[in-house]
Amino acid sequence: MSLPDPIEVDERQQQPNGTILTVETVSFEDDYISVEFNVQNGYDSKIQLAELMNDVNKPGVILGDDTGFDYRYLPGDNQYLSVESGERMSGSINFVRSLEEDATSLTLEFNPKFTLQIDID
């Protein structure tokens, strides 16, 4: 299977507390999917984009496709994606495994507050 070209998403979501998340690009590799994003914390205290997932008690961002497959988040040094009040963060996060062959869309969820649907061309 050939992998899709990177998708320029450039979608911005703002929460009532002033926090703004922008998902910029989704890229597909043989053994992982990468999501580039940036966030500006407009809230008056620290936020965590990767909150604990109840079923595994580990920090998580959820990426699933329309075939029902969920790709596992690979946390880095800042595993909870914590951002202090008034601070900005830019980076990439990776999810284990290549895209499922029959997938036509992805759903990306940074804690329950930010959810984004991404169509795959």
Protein backbone atom coordinates (compact mmCIF):
# COMPACT_ATOMS: atom_id res chain seq x y z
CA MET A 1 0.00 0.00 0.00
CA SER A 2 1.29 3.45 -0.80
CA LEU A 3 1.01 5.98 1.99
CA PRO A 4 -1.01 9.18 1.60
CA ASP A 5 0.83 12.46 1.16
CA PRO A 6 1.00 14.68 4.26
CA ILE A 7 -2.28 16.44 4.95
CA GLU A 8 -2.16 20.19 5.58
CA VAL A 9 -4.90 20.50 8.20
CA ASP A 10 -4.32 24.01 9.58
CA GLU A 11 -7.42 23.84 11.79
CA ARG A 12 -7.70 26.02 14.85
CA GLN A 13 -9.95 25.48 17.86
CA GLN A 14 -10.41 27.87 20.78
CA GLN A 15 -11.82 27.02 24.19
CA PRO A 16 -13.86 29.45 26.33
CA ASN A 17 -10.87 29.67 28.73
CA GLY A 18 -8.78 31.26 25.95
CA THR A 19 -6.67 28.20 25.07
CA ILE A 20 -6.08 27.86 21.32
CA LEU A 21 -4.98 24.62 19.63
CA THR A 22 -3.94 24.48 15.98
CA VAL A 23 -3.34 21.16 14.22
CA GLU A 24 -1.07 21.92 11.30
CA THR A 25 -0.05 18.73 9.48
CA VAL A 26 -0.63 14.97 9.61
CA SER A 27 2.13 12.84 8.02
CA PHE A 28 2.15 9.12 7.32
CA GLU A 29 5.21 6.87 7.64
CA ASP A 30 5.70 3.09 7.38
CA ASP A 31 5.50 2.56 11.14
CA TYR A 32 3.91 5.69 12.60
CA ILE A 33 1.62 8.66 12.02
CA SER A 34 2.89 12.11 13.03
CA VAL A 35 0.78 15.14 13.98
CA GLU A 36 2.28 18.65 14.09
CA PHE A 37 0.46 21.11 16.34
CA ASN A 38 0.82 24.24 18.42
CA VAL A 39 -1.07 25.45 21.46
CA GLN A 40 -1.32 28.76 23.28
CA ASN A 41 -2.51 28.45 26.88
CA GLY A 42 -4.83 31.38 27.55
CA TYR A 43 -6.09 29.84 30.78
CA ASP A 44 -5.04 31.13 34.20
CA SER A 45 -3.33 27.86 35.18
CA LYS A 46 -1.42 24.96 33.63
CA ILE A 47 -3.24 22.74 31.13
CA GLN A 48 -2.54 19.18 30.01
CA LEU A 49 -3.41 18.20 26.45
CA ALA A 50 -2.71 14.51 27.16
CA GLU A 51 -4.79 13.64 30.19
CA LEU A 52 -4.85 10.21 31.83
CA MET A 53 -6.74 7.61 29.86
CA ASN A 54 -9.01 5.70 32.25
CA ASP A 55 -8.58 2.27 30.68
CA VAL A 56 -4.76 2.18 30.82
CA ASN A 57 -3.95 4.91 33.39
CA LYS A 58 -1.36 6.45 31.05
CA PRO A 59 -1.24 9.88 29.44
CA GLY A 60 -2.91 9.89 26.10
CA VAL A 61 -3.97 11.61 22.99
CA ILE A 62 -6.37 9.52 20.95
CA LEU A 63 -6.07 8.95 17.20
CA GLY A 64 -8.57 6.59 15.62
CA ASP A 65 -9.73 5.87 12.11
CA ASP A 66 -13.09 5.10 10.55
CA THR A 67 -12.27 1.36 10.38
CA GLY A 68 -12.33 1.25 14.19
CA PHE A 69 -8.56 1.11 14.70
CA ASP A 70 -6.97 3.24 17.43
CA TYR A 71 -3.31 4.26 17.07
CA ARG A 72 -1.29 4.33 20.29
CA TYR A 73 0.20 7.66 21.40
CA LEU A 74 3.97 7.61 21.97
CA PRO A 75 4.65 10.11 24.78
CA GLY A 76 7.95 11.98 24.89
CA ASP A 77 9.61 13.84 27.74
CA ASN A 78 6.56 16.04 28.31
CA GLN A 79 4.23 13.03 28.33
CA TYR A 80 1.15 14.97 29.47
CA LEU A 81 1.82 17.81 27.01
CA SER A 82 1.68 20.29 29.89
CA VAL A 83 1.61 23.99 29.06
CA GLU A 84 1.95 26.66 31.74
CA SER A 85 -0.44 29.63 31.85
CA GLY A 86 0.36 32.16 29.13
CA GLU A 87 2.90 29.83 27.49
CA ARG A 88 3.01 28.40 23.98
CA MET A 89 4.05 24.92 22.78
CA SER A 90 4.77 23.68 19.26
CA GLY A 91 5.76 20.18 18.31
CA SER A 92 4.96 16.80 16.84
CA ILE A 93 3.44 13.76 18.44
CA ASN A 94 3.62 10.26 17.03
CA PHE A 95 1.24 7.33 16.99
CA VAL A 96 2.39 3.71 16.58
CA ARG A 97 1.73 1.91 13.32
CA SER A 98 1.07 2.77 9.73
CA LEU A 99 -2.34 3.90 8.53
CA GLU A 100 -4.90 1.14 8.07
CA GLU A 101 -5.33 0.40 4.35
CA ASP A 102 -9.10 1.04 4.21
CA ALA A 103 -9.12 4.16 6.41
CA THR A 104 -10.69 7.26 4.85
CA SER A 105 -10.76 9.54 7.92
CA LEU A 106 -9.10 10.06 11.28
CA THR A 107 -10.42 11.45 14.56
CA LEU A 108 -7.85 13.19 16.76
CA GLU A 109 -8.68 13.94 20.39
CA PHE A 110 -6.48 16.02 22.71
CA ASN A 111 -8.20 15.51 26.08
CA PRO A 112 -11.99 15.74 25.83
CA LYS A 113 -11.90 19.45 24.97
CA PHE A 114 -10.30 19.32 21.51
CA THR A 115 -11.60 16.87 18.89
CA LEU A 116 -10.86 17.09 15.19
CA GLN A 117 -12.06 15.04 12.20
CA ILE A 118 -9.49 14.68 9.37
CA ASP A 119 -10.40 13.35 5.92
CA ILE A 120 -7.75 11.35 4.07
CA ASP A 121 -7.56 11.98 0.33
